[in-house]
Protein backbone atom coordinates (compact mmCIF):
# COMPACT_ATOMS: atom_id res chain seq x y z
CA MET A 1 138.75 73.23 106.96
CA THR A 2 138.96 73.82 103.21
CA GLY A 3 136.66 72.40 100.55
CA ASP A 4 139.44 70.08 99.35
CA GLU A 5 139.90 68.76 102.89
CA ILE A 6 136.16 68.10 103.20
CA LEU A 7 136.14 66.20 99.91
CA ALA A 8 139.19 64.20 100.94
CA ALA A 9 137.53 63.25 104.23
CA ALA A 10 134.38 62.24 102.34
CA GLN A 11 136.47 60.09 100.01
CA ARG A 12 137.95 58.27 102.98
CA VAL A 13 134.46 57.56 104.33
CA ARG A 14 133.34 56.28 100.93
CA ALA A 15 136.43 54.11 100.60
CA GLY A 16 135.57 52.52 103.94
CA GLY A 17 132.56 50.92 102.29
CA PRO A 18 129.13 50.19 103.76
CA SER A 19 128.49 50.19 107.47
CA ALA A 20 127.94 47.04 109.45
CA LEU A 21 124.36 45.79 109.61
CA ARG A 22 122.39 47.52 112.35
CA LEU A 23 119.51 45.47 113.73
CA ALA A 24 116.13 47.10 114.25
CA ARG A 25 115.09 47.54 117.86
CA ASP A 26 111.78 45.76 117.30
CA PRO A 27 110.30 43.41 114.72
CA VAL A 28 107.63 44.67 112.34
CA ASN A 29 104.64 44.76 114.67
CA GLN A 30 100.94 45.51 114.58
CA PRO A 31 100.84 48.16 117.35
CA ALA A 32 103.39 50.31 115.49
CA VAL A 33 101.50 49.83 112.21
CA SER A 34 98.22 50.82 113.85
CA THR A 35 99.80 53.91 115.41
CA TRP A 36 101.30 54.93 112.07
CA THR A 37 98.10 54.42 110.06
CA GLU A 38 96.02 56.35 112.60
CA ALA A 39 98.45 59.28 112.59
CA MET A 40 98.60 59.31 108.76
CA GLY A 41 94.85 58.87 108.37
CA ASP A 42 95.50 55.80 106.22
CA ALA A 43 92.44 53.53 106.28
CA ASN A 44 93.86 50.79 104.04
CA PRO A 45 92.36 47.60 105.56
CA LEU A 46 95.27 45.41 104.46
CA TYR A 47 97.37 46.95 107.23
CA ARG A 48 94.93 46.34 110.10
CA ASP A 49 92.03 44.06 109.14
CA PRO A 50 93.08 40.38 109.16
CA ASP A 51 90.03 39.22 107.19
CA ALA A 52 90.53 41.79 104.42
CA ALA A 53 94.25 41.06 104.34
CA ASP A 54 93.70 37.29 104.15
CA ALA A 55 91.41 37.77 101.14
CA SER A 56 93.92 40.03 99.35
CA VAL A 57 96.84 39.23 97.09
CA HIS A 58 99.07 39.40 100.17
CA ARG A 59 97.23 36.53 101.92
CA GLY A 60 97.79 38.18 105.28
CA LEU A 61 98.52 41.44 107.08
CA VAL A 62 101.32 43.61 105.72
CA ALA A 63 103.01 46.82 106.82
CA PRO A 64 102.75 50.05 104.80
CA PRO A 65 105.79 50.12 102.51
CA ALA A 66 106.57 53.75 103.42
CA MET A 67 107.23 52.56 106.99
CA ILE A 68 110.43 50.80 105.95
CA GLN A 69 112.68 53.50 107.43
CA VAL A 70 110.62 53.63 110.64
CA TRP A 71 111.64 50.13 111.75
CA THR A 72 115.32 51.03 111.98
CA MET A 73 115.05 54.61 113.30
CA PRO A 74 117.31 54.97 116.35
CA GLY A 75 114.43 56.25 118.47
CA LEU A 76 114.55 58.53 121.48
CA LEU A 77 117.48 56.90 123.26
CA GLY A 78 119.17 55.01 120.42
CA SER A 79 122.24 55.98 118.44
CA ARG A 80 123.77 55.11 115.10
CA GLY A 81 126.97 53.12 114.91
CA GLY A 82 130.35 54.79 114.70
CA ASP A 83 130.74 53.49 111.15
CA ASP A 84 127.53 55.18 109.95
CA PRO A 85 128.64 57.16 106.86
CA LEU A 86 126.15 60.00 107.28
CA GLY A 87 127.23 60.46 110.88
CA GLN A 88 130.89 60.50 109.87
CA VAL A 89 130.40 63.10 107.12
CA ASN A 90 128.15 65.19 109.36
CA SER A 91 130.92 65.26 111.95
CA VAL A 92 133.38 66.52 109.34
CA LEU A 93 131.00 69.22 108.15
CA ASP A 94 130.09 70.23 111.70
CA SER A 95 133.77 70.87 112.43
CA ALA A 96 133.91 73.06 109.30
CA GLY A 97 131.01 75.20 110.52
CA PHE A 98 128.22 73.57 108.48
CA THR A 99 126.20 72.68 111.55
CA SER A 100 122.60 72.95 110.28
CA VAL A 101 120.85 70.25 108.31
CA VAL A 102 117.70 69.87 106.26
CA ALA A 103 116.50 66.86 104.26
CA THR A 104 116.00 67.53 100.55
CA ASN A 105 115.41 64.24 98.69
CA CYS A 106 114.23 60.72 99.47
CA ASP A 107 114.05 57.92 96.90
CA GLN A 108 112.70 54.64 98.29
CA THR A 109 112.34 51.33 96.43
CA TYR A 110 110.37 48.43 97.91
CA HIS A 111 111.25 44.93 96.72
CA ARG A 112 108.30 43.47 98.60
CA TYR A 113 105.91 44.26 101.43
CA LEU A 114 106.83 43.35 104.99
CA ARG A 115 104.89 41.20 107.42
CA PRO A 116 104.49 41.40 111.19
CA GLY A 117 107.22 39.43 112.91
CA GLU A 118 110.05 40.19 110.46
CA ARG A 119 113.00 41.91 112.06
CA LEU A 120 114.94 44.13 109.73
CA ALA A 121 118.56 45.19 109.67
CA VAL A 122 119.97 48.14 107.73
CA ARG A 123 123.31 48.87 106.13
CA ALA A 124 124.30 52.34 104.89
CA GLU A 125 126.91 53.61 102.46
CA LEU A 126 128.00 57.03 101.25
CA LEU A 127 127.17 57.75 97.61
CA ASP A 128 128.19 61.35 97.10
CA VAL A 129 129.24 64.63 98.71
CA THR A 130 129.04 67.78 96.59
CA GLY A 131 129.81 71.38 97.40
CA PRO A 132 130.22 73.97 98.44
CA LYS A 133 126.93 75.14 96.95
CA ARG A 134 125.14 78.46 97.30
CA THR A 135 121.55 77.79 98.34
CA ALA A 136 118.62 79.82 99.63
CA LEU A 137 119.74 78.81 103.14
CA GLY A 138 123.33 79.83 102.54
CA GLU A 139 126.50 77.97 101.65
CA GLY A 140 126.32 74.22 102.18
CA TRP A 141 127.15 70.69 101.12
CA PHE A 142 124.82 68.01 99.76
CA VAL A 143 125.36 64.55 101.24
CA THR A 144 123.74 61.48 99.65
CA THR A 145 123.65 58.08 101.31
CA ARG A 146 122.07 54.76 100.41
CA SER A 147 120.41 52.51 102.97
CA THR A 148 119.59 48.88 102.21
CA TRP A 149 117.22 46.94 104.42
CA TYR A 150 117.44 43.18 104.93
CA SER A 151 115.11 40.59 106.34
CA GLY A 152 117.52 37.80 107.12
CA ASP A 153 119.74 37.56 104.05
CA GLU A 154 117.10 39.04 101.70
CA ALA A 155 117.33 42.69 100.61
CA VAL A 156 113.77 44.04 100.89
CA GLY A 157 114.22 47.73 100.11
CA THR A 158 116.60 50.62 99.49
CA MET A 159 116.60 54.37 100.05
CA ASP A 160 118.79 57.07 98.56
CA PHE A 161 118.61 59.98 101.01
CA ARG A 162 120.03 63.46 100.50
CA VAL A 163 120.52 66.18 103.08
CA LEU A 164 121.90 69.69 102.89
CA LYS A 165 124.43 70.57 105.58
CA PHE A 166 124.68 74.35 105.66
CA ARG A 167 126.29 77.12 107.67
CA PRO A 168 123.66 78.90 109.82
CA SER A 169 123.13 82.58 109.23
CA ALA A 170 124.55 85.12 111.65
CA GLY A 171 122.42 85.54 114.73
CA GLY A 172 120.60 82.23 114.39
CA THR A 173 121.16 78.59 115.06
CA GLY A 174 119.97 77.53 111.67
CA GLY A 175 117.13 75.27 110.74
CA PRO A 176 114.52 74.78 108.05
CA PRO A 177 113.61 77.97 106.18
CA PRO A 178 110.29 79.66 106.77
CA GLY A 179 109.62 79.56 103.04
CA PRO A 180 108.78 82.34 100.58
CA ALA A 181 105.75 83.61 102.44
CA GLN A 182 103.85 86.47 100.87
CA PRO A 183 103.34 89.28 103.40
CA GLY A 184 99.75 89.62 104.48
CA LEU A 185 98.63 86.42 102.76
CA GLU A 186 97.47 83.93 105.33
CA PRO A 187 95.19 80.95 104.75
CA ARG A 188 91.63 82.25 104.58
CA LEU A 189 88.26 80.77 103.79
CA ALA A 190 85.41 82.42 101.99
CA ALA A 191 83.43 84.65 104.31
CA ASP A 192 80.36 83.39 106.08
CA PRO A 193 77.12 85.37 105.87
CA GLU A 194 77.60 87.04 109.24
CA SER A 195 81.07 88.35 108.49
CA ALA A 196 79.97 89.47 105.03
CA ALA A 197 77.07 91.36 106.51
CA ALA A 198 79.52 93.07 108.81
CA GLY A 199 81.58 94.21 105.83
CA ASP A 200 84.43 91.74 106.42
CA ASP A 201 84.22 89.81 103.14
CA PRO A 202 87.60 88.47 101.95
CA ILE A 203 86.32 87.18 98.60
CA MET A 204 86.46 89.17 95.37
CA ARG A 205 82.93 89.55 94.08
CA PRO A 206 82.39 89.74 90.30
CA ALA A 207 80.63 92.69 88.74
CA MET A 208 76.96 91.95 88.07
CA SER A 209 74.50 93.72 85.78
CA PRO A 210 71.11 93.08 84.14
CA ASP A 211 73.04 91.61 81.20
CA THR A 212 74.79 89.00 83.38
CA GLU A 213 72.04 88.22 85.92
CA PHE A 214 70.95 85.10 84.00
CA PHE A 215 74.52 83.75 84.18
CA TRP A 216 74.76 84.03 87.98
CA ALA A 217 71.24 82.69 88.40
CA GLY A 218 72.45 79.65 86.46
CA THR A 219 75.48 79.00 88.64
CA ARG A 220 73.25 79.07 91.71
CA VAL A 221 71.30 76.08 90.33
CA GLY A 222 74.31 74.25 88.83
CA GLU A 223 73.98 75.39 85.21
CA LEU A 224 76.60 77.02 83.01
CA ARG A 225 74.52 79.38 80.87
CA ILE A 226 75.96 81.08 77.80
CA GLN A 227 74.24 83.98 76.06
CA ARG A 228 72.57 83.16 72.73
CA CYS A 229 71.20 85.63 70.24
CA GLY A 230 67.50 85.01 69.64
CA GLU A 231 67.84 86.55 66.20
CA CYS A 232 70.76 84.65 64.64
CA GLY A 233 71.54 81.99 67.27
CA ALA A 234 75.16 83.08 67.81
CA LEU A 235 76.71 82.30 71.20
CA ARG A 236 78.86 84.81 73.05
CA HIS A 237 80.65 85.18 76.37
CA PRO A 238 80.89 87.32 78.39
CA PRO A 239 77.28 88.45 78.03
CA GLY A 240 76.48 91.85 76.61
CA PRO A 241 73.55 93.98 75.45
CA ALA A 242 74.04 93.33 71.72
CA CYS A 243 74.91 90.39 69.49
CA LEU A 244 78.39 90.77 68.02
CA SER A 245 77.43 88.71 64.97
CA CYS A 246 74.25 90.43 63.76
CA GLY A 247 74.06 93.49 65.99
CA SER A 248 70.63 92.66 67.34
CA THR A 249 69.76 94.04 70.76
CA ASP A 250 66.52 92.07 70.96
CA LYS A 251 65.81 88.51 72.03
CA GLN A 252 69.01 87.90 73.99
CA GLU A 253 68.52 84.38 75.31
CA TYR A 254 70.79 81.75 76.83
CA GLN A 255 71.82 78.15 76.29
CA VAL A 256 72.76 75.68 79.02
CA THR A 257 76.11 74.19 78.07
CA ALA A 258 77.46 70.71 78.72
CA GLY A 259 80.00 72.25 81.10
CA THR A 260 82.92 70.55 79.38
CA GLY A 261 85.81 71.84 77.33
CA ALA A 262 89.59 72.04 77.10
CA VAL A 263 92.28 74.44 78.27
CA TYR A 264 92.97 76.88 75.43
CA SER A 265 95.50 78.95 77.39
CA TYR A 266 96.37 79.63 81.03
CA VAL A 267 98.45 81.69 83.43
CA VAL A 268 99.76 80.86 86.90
CA HIS A 269 99.00 83.73 89.28
CA ARG A 270 101.63 83.99 92.02
CA HIS A 271 101.41 87.66 93.03
CA PRO A 272 99.83 89.96 94.18
CA PRO A 273 97.69 88.34 96.88
CA VAL A 274 94.08 87.54 96.02
CA PRO A 275 91.57 87.87 98.87
CA GLY A 276 90.27 84.47 99.93
CA LYS A 277 92.79 82.52 97.80
CA ARG A 278 95.95 80.58 98.48
CA LEU A 279 98.53 81.33 95.82
CA PRO A 280 99.59 80.16 93.34
CA ILE A 281 96.34 79.66 91.42
CA VAL A 282 95.78 78.78 87.78
CA ILE A 283 93.53 80.99 85.66
CA ALA A 284 92.53 79.17 82.48
CA LEU A 285 90.95 80.28 79.25
CA VAL A 286 88.70 77.32 78.51
CA GLU A 287 87.21 76.58 75.12
CA LEU A 288 83.83 75.04 75.86
CA THR A 289 82.50 72.13 73.84
CA GLU A 290 80.04 74.61 72.27
CA GLY A 291 82.97 76.70 70.94
CA VAL A 292 82.77 79.67 73.29
CA ARG A 293 85.76 80.57 75.47
CA MET A 294 85.58 81.71 79.07
CA LEU A 295 87.99 82.51 81.89
CA ALA A 296 87.81 80.78 85.26
CA GLU A 297 90.04 79.30 87.93
CA LEU A 298 91.36 75.80 87.23
CA THR A 299 91.40 73.69 90.41
CA GLY A 300 92.28 70.13 91.35
CA ILE A 301 95.66 70.15 89.64
CA SER A 302 99.07 71.66 90.39
CA PRO A 303 100.38 74.40 88.08
CA GLU A 304 103.19 72.12 86.88
CA GLN A 305 100.70 69.54 85.62
CA VAL A 306 98.52 71.91 83.55
CA GLU A 307 98.91 71.75 79.80
CA ILE A 308 97.21 73.17 76.73
CA GLY A 309 94.39 70.90 75.60
CA LEU A 310 93.75 69.44 79.06
CA PRO A 311 90.10 68.25 79.17
CA VAL A 312 88.15 70.04 81.89
CA ARG A 313 84.69 70.03 83.42
CA VAL A 314 82.91 72.83 85.25
CA ARG A 315 82.41 72.75 89.00
CA TYR A 316 80.43 75.15 91.18
CA ASP A 317 81.94 76.66 94.33
CA GLN A 318 79.51 78.29 96.76
CA VAL A 319 81.66 81.02 98.26
CA HIS A 320 78.77 82.94 99.82
CA HIS A 321 75.12 82.32 100.55
CA ASP A 322 74.18 84.30 97.41
CA LEU A 323 77.22 83.70 95.20
CA VAL A 324 78.29 80.54 93.38
CA LEU A 325 81.40 80.86 91.23
CA PRO A 326 82.10 78.54 88.32
CA ALA A 327 85.53 76.94 88.17
CA PHE A 328 87.02 74.12 86.15
CA GLU A 329 88.72 70.90 87.15
CA PRO A 330 90.42 68.21 85.05
CA ASP A 331 88.05 65.88 83.20
CA ASP A 332 90.74 63.31 82.67
CA PRO A 333 90.99 59.74 84.02
CA ASP A 334 94.74 60.24 84.39
CA VAL A 335 94.24 63.08 86.89
CA LEU A 336 93.84 62.02 90.51
CA PRO A 337 91.26 63.62 92.80
CA GLU A 338 92.67 66.09 95.32
CA MET A 339 93.43 65.04 98.87
CA ALA A 340 93.52 67.89 101.40
CA ILE A 341 94.86 67.47 104.94
CA GLU A 342 94.50 69.97 107.76
CA VAL A 343 97.98 69.94 109.26
CA THR A 344 97.07 70.57 112.88
CA PRO A 345 99.68 70.55 115.66
CA THR A 346 98.31 67.12 116.58
CA VAL A 347 99.01 65.84 113.07
CA VAL A 348 102.59 67.14 113.14
CA VAL A 349 103.35 65.70 116.57
CA SER A 350 101.53 62.38 116.21
CA THR A 351 103.09 61.58 112.83
CA ALA A 352 106.57 62.46 114.09
CA LEU A 353 106.13 60.09 117.02
CA ALA A 354 104.59 57.40 114.80
CA THR A 355 107.67 57.55 112.57
CA ARG A 356 109.96 57.44 115.64
CA ASP A 357 111.42 60.86 114.81
CA PHE A 358 112.04 62.67 118.09
CA TYR A 359 113.87 65.71 116.73
CA PRO A 360 112.38 68.63 118.71
CA VAL A 361 111.49 70.82 115.69
CA HIS A 362 108.57 68.44 115.07
CA HIS A 363 106.99 68.71 118.53
CA ASP A 364 108.58 71.58 120.50
CA ARG A 365 107.44 74.94 119.13
CA ASP A 366 109.88 76.98 121.24
CA PHE A 367 112.80 74.89 120.02
CA ALA A 368 111.59 75.18 116.42
CA VAL A 369 111.36 78.97 116.67
CA ARG A 370 114.83 79.21 118.22
CA SER A 371 116.06 77.10 115.29
CA GLY A 372 114.78 79.63 112.75
CA SER A 373 111.31 78.21 112.00
CA LYS A 374 107.99 79.88 112.71
CA ASP A 375 106.42 76.72 114.12
CA ILE A 376 106.71 72.93 114.27
CA PHE A 377 106.53 71.27 110.85
CA LEU A 378 106.08 67.88 109.16
CA ASN A 379 109.07 65.57 108.95
CA ILE A 380 110.15 63.85 105.74
CA LEU A 381 109.04 60.39 106.92
CA THR A 382 105.53 61.77 107.36
CA THR A 383 105.58 63.42 103.96
CA THR A 384 106.62 60.10 102.39
CA GLY A 385 103.81 58.32 104.21
CA LEU A 386 101.21 60.87 103.12
CA VAL A 387 102.35 60.59 99.49
CA GLN A 388 101.91 56.81 99.71
CA ARG A 389 98.46 57.21 101.30
CA PHE A 390 97.38 59.66 98.57
CA ILE A 391 98.24 57.12 95.88
CA THR A 392 96.72 54.04 97.51
CA ASP A 393 93.55 55.95 98.45
CA TRP A 394 93.14 56.53 94.71
CA ALA A 395 94.45 53.24 93.32
CA GLY A 396 92.77 50.98 95.88
CA PRO A 397 94.07 49.00 98.85
CA GLU A 398 95.60 46.20 96.77
CA ALA A 399 97.72 48.51 94.63
CA ILE A 400 101.37 47.47 94.95
CA VAL A 401 103.62 50.44 95.68
CA ARG A 402 107.08 49.76 94.27
CA GLY A 403 108.77 53.06 95.01
CA VAL A 404 108.31 56.61 96.28
CA SER A 405 110.70 59.33 95.10
CA ILE A 406 110.20 62.81 96.55
CA ARG A 407 111.88 66.19 96.68
CA LEU A 408 111.06 68.58 99.49
CA GLY A 409 110.31 72.25 98.88
CA VAL A 410 108.93 74.68 101.46
CA PRO A 411 108.15 73.48 104.99
CA CYS A 412 104.59 72.55 105.92
CA TYR A 413 103.92 74.14 109.29
CA ALA A 414 101.26 73.35 111.87
CA GLY A 415 98.05 75.19 111.02
CA ASP A 416 98.45 74.93 107.25
CA LEU A 417 96.44 73.01 104.66
CA LEU A 418 98.38 70.44 102.61
CA THR A 419 96.71 69.60 99.29
CA PHE A 420 97.90 66.69 97.16
CA THR A 421 97.34 66.51 93.41
CA GLY A 422 98.59 63.93 90.96
CA ARG A 423 98.53 62.66 87.44
CA VAL A 424 99.44 59.38 85.76
CA ARG A 425 102.60 60.22 83.84
CA ASP A 426 103.39 56.82 82.31
CA SER A 427 101.47 53.58 82.14
CA THR A 428 102.48 50.14 80.88
CA PRO A 429 101.03 46.68 81.51
CA THR A 430 103.53 46.20 84.33
CA GLU A 431 103.91 49.64 85.90
CA GLN A 432 102.32 53.04 86.38
CA VAL A 433 104.26 56.19 87.28
CA ILE A 434 102.22 58.89 89.00
CA ALA A 435 103.53 62.44 89.39
CA VAL A 436 102.56 63.93 92.76
CA THR A 437 102.58 67.44 94.20
CA GLY A 438 101.72 68.42 97.76
CA ALA A 439 101.19 72.16 98.14
CA CYS A 440 100.64 74.35 101.19
CA SER A 441 100.19 78.10 101.62
CA LEU A 442 103.92 78.76 101.12
CA GLY A 443 104.13 76.82 97.84
CA ASP A 444 105.05 73.27 96.90
CA HIS A 445 105.98 71.29 100.00
CA VAL A 446 106.76 68.13 98.05
CA THR A 447 107.01 66.97 94.45
CA GLY A 448 107.85 63.53 93.20
CA THR A 449 106.71 60.27 91.66
CA VAL A 450 105.25 56.98 92.85
CA ARG A 451 105.67 53.68 91.00
CA LEU A 452 102.82 51.17 91.11
CA SER A 453 102.50 47.61 89.84
CA PRO A 454 99.25 45.76 89.19
CA LYS A 455 98.35 43.58 92.17
CA ALA A 456 98.98 40.44 90.12
CA GLN A 457 102.64 41.45 89.92
CA GLU A 458 103.19 41.07 93.67
CA GLN A 459 105.65 38.29 94.37
CA GLY A 460 108.23 37.30 96.94
CA GLY A 461 107.93 36.95 100.68
CA ALA A 462 104.77 39.06 100.97
CA SER A 463 102.60 37.08 98.56
């Protein structure tokens, strides 16, 4: 089948209009909500505690907004209707040899929160088919659909969903890519005293000398000490045997700094591997409040969110029983605190089941490996749910999530650490937009934005 024939078939599907409404198997229900929140680690009381929910702006229990797709998932034995546009286009592309699929984008908008007892129905339509495109997975086609959910006659949410249908490589059945792993770089923690004593110390230890001993003694007690000349009072870093201002080699003292400053310059280190570190890492030249500049790792923020002038504050990381390294983190109310999740096999499997996604790559390791992956991995419904949890953990349980828009990057496999960072990008009296990144050892697993409204803005059937 030629590209023109594929586009013509897609045009016929689009001309057929939206699918018929497909009714959810079950109403919104508390057992499913409880299963989902437990699997996601979401402790928001408004989803499970009737007393807290009654006292909230919602005046009763509500379902997590990121569950909206869960309610109409076909499930283990279900199937989509013959008029489902994604199914129709997938059939066309399958016949043309584009038999593998991976989700790439998900843009959800929530008109209001849902309550237990509501039974949803969904209608889907085809928005766009583009291709053929050369991608890292090979030649493929991008298919974008829009789903609209209804409670009765009321539209309660929409989702624009994009997948890549691609031709599997020779010798494989296709499947999600393993990601741009760096050979020899596996997730590692700083060595413990026993392994260090045995000579197996993965951390890089800084050079120490009589001139710098005071500095490292300071980090061990939570002080950022900068050398000060006892003769002329000039500050300097890194420490040295002589003052660069007056040349004195006597009376070299130190001053305890406030530990605050701003990013003067920075680099993103992506290669070569650094023992004990997950790449990429940000190395920043920080201008301290006292005027001295020093180099250190910048943590708690994704590389894409770093900018010159970013306010930072020192933190102290004990990487060994006798070594505490200074690092910096954002000192900015618009920067969200990190959220790190150990993505165990249990997390991958339990969240897939909680989102009613029974595709074997999320629970059957042998199937996942045969499909071209190195292990089971998180599904996109889980990633959406974790992004929502990250935001509401920070904003508070009564924050009103209006939309989640994400783009998937590398897979997040079982055994990895998924770290979320975020920053308020825009803020008005009626809406905040927060940029979010979720990174694992292979790189950025997810990037996107979340839209929040103040709790007083909540209206409609959930208020």
